[in-house]
Amino acid sequence: MKSISERERSIEDALDSAEKAKEEMARLTSENEQLLIQARSERDAILKEAKELKDQIVLDAKTSAEVEGAKMIEKARLEIDHQKHLALVEVKNEVSTLALDIARKVLNRDFQDQSNQEQLVNELLKDIKLN
């Protein structure tokens, strides 16, 4: 009987050990599931943060490009205005040089004759009004 008792006790110990192992396995499985849920949550948070950071970088780059583009356009506009002004000054100088050359040639031709000189002086005197 002693051996049957020991055998029963051995079987009960084995069953208790198996039950404890089963409970430990259930606990470990539950912990693993919790860790997996936590890891997924952290992954989602990291991905969300990375997307927000990417969106901010893209927005900053776009804004910077727009500002730089506006500066370049304004600089080009100012340069065009400056070049236009320089071209107008040059055209005016050319026109005045040509006008003086033409006037000089006309006056040289007209003043070669003494009667033409006297006629021009008389016309200018008529145009002058005395007070």
C-alpha atoms as a PDB file:
ATOM      1  CA  MET A   1       0.000   0.000   0.000  1.00  0.00           C
ATOM      2  CA  LYS A   2       2.832   2.276   0.716  1.00  0.00           C
ATOM      3  CA  SER A   3       3.955   2.015  -2.855  1.00  0.00           C
ATOM      4  CA  ILE A   4       0.438   2.794  -4.144  1.00  0.00           C
ATOM      5  CA  SER A   5       0.342   5.802  -1.873  1.00  0.00           C
ATOM      6  CA  GLU A   6       3.692   6.939  -3.109  1.00  0.00           C
ATOM      7  CA  ARG A   7       2.562   6.306  -6.639  1.00  0.00           C
ATOM      8  CA  GLU A   8      -0.627   8.364  -6.085  1.00  0.00           C
ATOM      9  CA  ARG A   9       1.410  11.091  -4.439  1.00  0.00           C
ATOM     10  CA  SER A  10       3.865  11.020  -7.341  1.00  0.00           C
ATOM     11  CA  ILE A  11       0.973  11.276  -9.819  1.00  0.00           C
ATOM     12  CA  GLU A  12      -0.599  14.116  -7.819  1.00  0.00           C
ATOM     13  CA  ASP A  13       2.742  15.933  -7.713  1.00  0.00           C
ATOM     14  CA  ALA A  14       3.101  15.429 -11.450  1.00  0.00           C
ATOM     15  CA  LEU A  15      -0.430  16.722 -12.014  1.00  0.00           C
ATOM     16  CA  ASP A  16       0.245  19.722  -9.741  1.00  0.00           C
ATOM     17  CA  SER A  17       3.480  20.414 -11.609  1.00  0.00           C
ATOM     18  CA  ALA A  18       1.649  20.104 -14.920  1.00  0.00           C
ATOM     19  CA  GLU A  19      -1.065  22.461 -13.665  1.00  0.00           C
ATOM     20  CA  LYS A  20       1.562  24.953 -12.466  1.00  0.00           C
ATOM     21  CA  ALA A  21       3.365  24.651 -15.825  1.00  0.00           C
ATOM     22  CA  LYS A  22       0.030  25.225 -17.607  1.00  0.00           C
ATOM     23  CA  GLU A  23      -0.674  28.302 -15.470  1.00  0.00           C
ATOM     24  CA  GLU A  24       2.870  29.610 -16.073  1.00  0.00           C
ATOM     25  CA  MET A  25       2.439  29.031 -19.812  1.00  0.00           C
ATOM     26  CA  ALA A  26      -0.884  30.938 -19.759  1.00  0.00           C
ATOM     27  CA  ARG A  27       0.752  33.772 -17.817  1.00  0.00           C
ATOM     28  CA  LEU A  28       3.669  33.928 -20.254  1.00  0.00           C
ATOM     29  CA  THR A  29       1.281  33.857 -23.232  1.00  0.00           C
ATOM     30  CA  SER A  30      -0.705  36.722 -21.706  1.00  0.00           C
ATOM     31  CA  GLU A  31       2.500  38.722 -21.091  1.00  0.00           C
ATOM     32  CA  ASN A  32       3.611  38.067 -24.672  1.00  0.00           C
ATOM     33  CA  GLU A  33       0.262  39.311 -25.979  1.00  0.00           C
ATOM     34  CA  GLN A  34       0.527  42.448 -23.824  1.00  0.00           C
ATOM     35  CA  LEU A  35       4.093  43.056 -25.033  1.00  0.00           C
ATOM     36  CA  LEU A  36       2.955  42.571 -28.627  1.00  0.00           C
ATOM     37  CA  ILE A  37       0.084  45.049 -28.145  1.00  0.00           C
ATOM     38  CA  GLN A  38       2.478  47.547 -26.527  1.00  0.00           C
ATOM     39  CA  ALA A  39       5.035  47.083 -29.341  1.00  0.00           C
ATOM     40  CA  ARG A  40       2.344  47.676 -31.975  1.00  0.00           C
ATOM     41  CA  SER A  41       1.178  50.788 -30.138  1.00  0.00           C
ATOM     42  CA  GLU A  42       4.741  52.132 -29.955  1.00  0.00           C
ATOM     43  CA  ARG A  43       5.279  51.300 -33.638  1.00  0.00           C
ATOM     44  CA  ASP A  44       2.098  53.186 -34.569  1.00  0.00           C
ATOM     45  CA  ALA A  45       3.183  56.189 -32.493  1.00  0.00           C
ATOM     46  CA  ILE A  46       6.648  56.196 -34.110  1.00  0.00           C
ATOM     47  CA  LEU A  47       5.125  55.950 -37.595  1.00  0.00           C
ATOM     48  CA  LYS A  48       2.688  58.769 -36.816  1.00  0.00           C
ATOM     49  CA  GLU A  49       5.498  60.962 -35.514  1.00  0.00           C
ATOM     50  CA  ALA A  50       7.657  60.165 -38.563  1.00  0.00           C
ATOM     51  CA  LYS A  51       4.776  61.079 -40.917  1.00  0.00           C
ATOM     52  CA  GLU A  52       4.182  64.371 -39.082  1.00  0.00           C
ATOM     53  CA  LEU A  53       7.896  65.158 -39.240  1.00  0.00           C
ATOM     54  CA  LYS A  54       7.979  64.339 -42.964  1.00  0.00           C
ATOM     55  CA  ASP A  55       4.937  66.552 -43.598  1.00  0.00           C
ATOM     56  CA  GLN A  56       6.548  69.417 -41.666  1.00  0.00           C
ATOM     57  CA  ILE A  57       9.830  69.055 -43.579  1.00  0.00           C
ATOM     58  CA  VAL A  58       7.958  69.073 -46.899  1.00  0.00           C
ATOM     59  CA  LEU A  59       5.938  72.127 -45.840  1.00  0.00           C
ATOM     60  CA  ASP A  60       9.085  73.960 -44.697  1.00  0.00           C
ATOM     61  CA  ALA A  61      10.859  73.129 -47.957  1.00  0.00           C
ATOM     62  CA  LYS A  62       7.873  74.317 -50.002  1.00  0.00           C
ATOM     63  CA  THR A  63       7.610  77.558 -48.040  1.00  0.00           C
ATOM     64  CA  SER A  64      11.336  78.167 -48.345  1.00  0.00           C
ATOM     65  CA  ALA A  65      11.219  77.516 -52.085  1.00  0.00           C
ATOM     66  CA  GLU A  66       8.319  79.950 -52.496  1.00  0.00           C
ATOM     67  CA  VAL A  67      10.161  82.646 -50.532  1.00  0.00           C
ATOM     68  CA  GLU A  68      13.366  82.120 -52.514  1.00  0.00           C
ATOM     69  CA  GLY A  69      11.404  82.124 -55.776  1.00  0.00           C
ATOM     70  CA  ALA A  70       9.730  85.413 -54.843  1.00  0.00           C
ATOM     71  CA  LYS A  71      13.114  86.920 -53.962  1.00  0.00           C
ATOM     72  CA  MET A  72      14.582  85.783 -57.285  1.00  0.00           C
ATOM     73  CA  ILE A  73      11.611  87.184 -59.213  1.00  0.00           C
ATOM     74  CA  GLU A  74      11.888  90.539 -57.402  1.00  0.00           C
ATOM     75  CA  LYS A  75      15.644  90.658 -58.039  1.00  0.00           C
ATOM     76  CA  ALA A  76      15.078  89.902 -61.729  1.00  0.00           C
ATOM     77  CA  ARG A  77      12.371  92.584 -61.932  1.00  0.00           C
ATOM     78  CA  LEU A  78      14.706  95.159 -60.374  1.00  0.00           C
ATOM     79  CA  GLU A  79      17.503  94.176 -62.765  1.00  0.00           C
ATOM     80  CA  ILE A  80      15.122  94.481 -65.746  1.00  0.00           C
ATOM     81  CA  ASP A  81      14.018  97.935 -64.569  1.00  0.00           C
ATOM     82  CA  HIS A  82      17.645  98.993 -64.131  1.00  0.00           C
ATOM     83  CA  GLN A  83      18.613  97.724 -67.597  1.00  0.00           C
ATOM     84  CA  LYS A  84      15.560  99.437 -69.090  1.00  0.00           C
ATOM     85  CA  HIS A  85      16.573 102.722 -67.452  1.00  0.00           C
ATOM     86  CA  LEU A  86      20.131 102.369 -68.765  1.00  0.00           C
ATOM     87  CA  ALA A  87      18.825 101.627 -72.267  1.00  0.00           C
ATOM     88  CA  LEU A  88      16.568 104.712 -72.192  1.00  0.00           C
ATOM     89  CA  VAL A  89      19.456 106.907 -71.058  1.00  0.00           C
ATOM     90  CA  GLU A  90      21.601 105.524 -73.858  1.00  0.00           C
ATOM     91  CA  VAL A  91      18.839 106.106 -76.447  1.00  0.00           C
ATOM     92  CA  LYS A  92      18.346 109.686 -75.212  1.00  0.00           C
ATOM     93  CA  ASN A  93      22.070 110.339 -75.471  1.00  0.00           C
ATOM     94  CA  GLU A  94      22.152 108.932 -78.996  1.00  0.00           C
ATOM     95  CA  VAL A  95      19.135 111.019 -80.022  1.00  0.00           C
ATOM     96  CA  SER A  96      20.659 114.211 -78.620  1.00  0.00           C
ATOM     97  CA  THR A  97      23.996 113.466 -80.324  1.00  0.00           C
ATOM     98  CA  LEU A  98      22.218 112.875 -83.629  1.00  0.00           C
ATOM     99  CA  ALA A  99      20.122 116.050 -83.196  1.00  0.00           C
ATOM    100  CA  LEU A 100      23.246 118.120 -82.509  1.00  0.00           C
ATOM    101  CA  ASP A 101      25.018 116.619 -85.535  1.00  0.00           C
ATOM    102  CA  ILE A 102      22.026 117.381 -87.735  1.00  0.00           C
ATOM    103  CA  ALA A 103      21.708 120.932 -86.366  1.00  0.00           C
ATOM    104  CA  ARG A 104      25.444 121.526 -86.862  1.00  0.00           C
ATOM    105  CA  LYS A 105      25.262 120.348 -90.475  1.00  0.00           C
ATOM    106  CA  VAL A 106      22.164 122.452 -91.168  1.00  0.00           C
ATOM    107  CA  LEU A 107      23.680 125.542 -89.572  1.00  0.00           C
ATOM    108  CA  ASN A 108      26.977 125.081 -91.399  1.00  0.00           C
ATOM    109  CA  ARG A 109      25.185 124.856 -94.695  1.00  0.00           C
ATOM    110  CA  ASP A 110      22.849 127.781 -93.949  1.00  0.00           C
ATOM    111  CA  PHE A 111      25.558 130.063 -92.594  1.00  0.00           C
ATOM    112  CA  GLN A 112      27.849 129.675 -95.556  1.00  0.00           C
ATOM    113  CA  ASP A 113      25.775 132.330 -97.232  1.00  0.00           C
ATOM    114  CA  GLN A 114      25.809 135.804 -95.586  1.00  0.00           C
ATOM    115  CA  SER A 115      22.260 136.622 -96.660  1.00  0.00           C
ATOM    116  CA  ASN A 116      20.962 133.445 -94.982  1.00  0.00           C
ATOM    117  CA  GLN A 117      22.721 134.474 -91.773  1.00  0.00           C
ATOM    118  CA  GLU A 118      21.124 137.916 -91.818  1.00  0.00           C
ATOM    119  CA  GLN A 119      17.703 136.482 -92.592  1.00  0.00           C
ATOM    120  CA  LEU A 120      17.949 134.040 -89.633  1.00  0.00           C
ATOM    121  CA  VAL A 121      19.017 136.840 -87.250  1.00  0.00           C
ATOM    122  CA  ASN A 122      16.089 139.018 -88.399  1.00  0.00           C
ATOM    123  CA  GLU A 123      13.627 136.137 -87.886  1.00  0.00           C
ATOM    124  CA  LEU A 124      14.987 135.481 -84.395  1.00  0.00           C
ATOM    125  CA  LEU A 125      14.722 139.173 -83.532  1.00  0.00           C
ATOM    126  CA  LYS A 126      11.094 139.242 -84.645  1.00  0.00           C
ATOM    127  CA  ASP A 127      10.345 136.272 -82.361  1.00  0.00           C
ATOM    128  CA  ILE A 128      11.819 138.058 -79.354  1.00  0.00           C
ATOM    129  CA  LYS A 129       9.296 140.278 -77.633  1.00  0.00           C
ATOM    130  CA  LEU A 130      10.647 143.289 -75.881  1.00  0.00           C
ATOM    131  CA  ASN A 131       9.056 144.305 -72.597  1.00  0.00           C
END
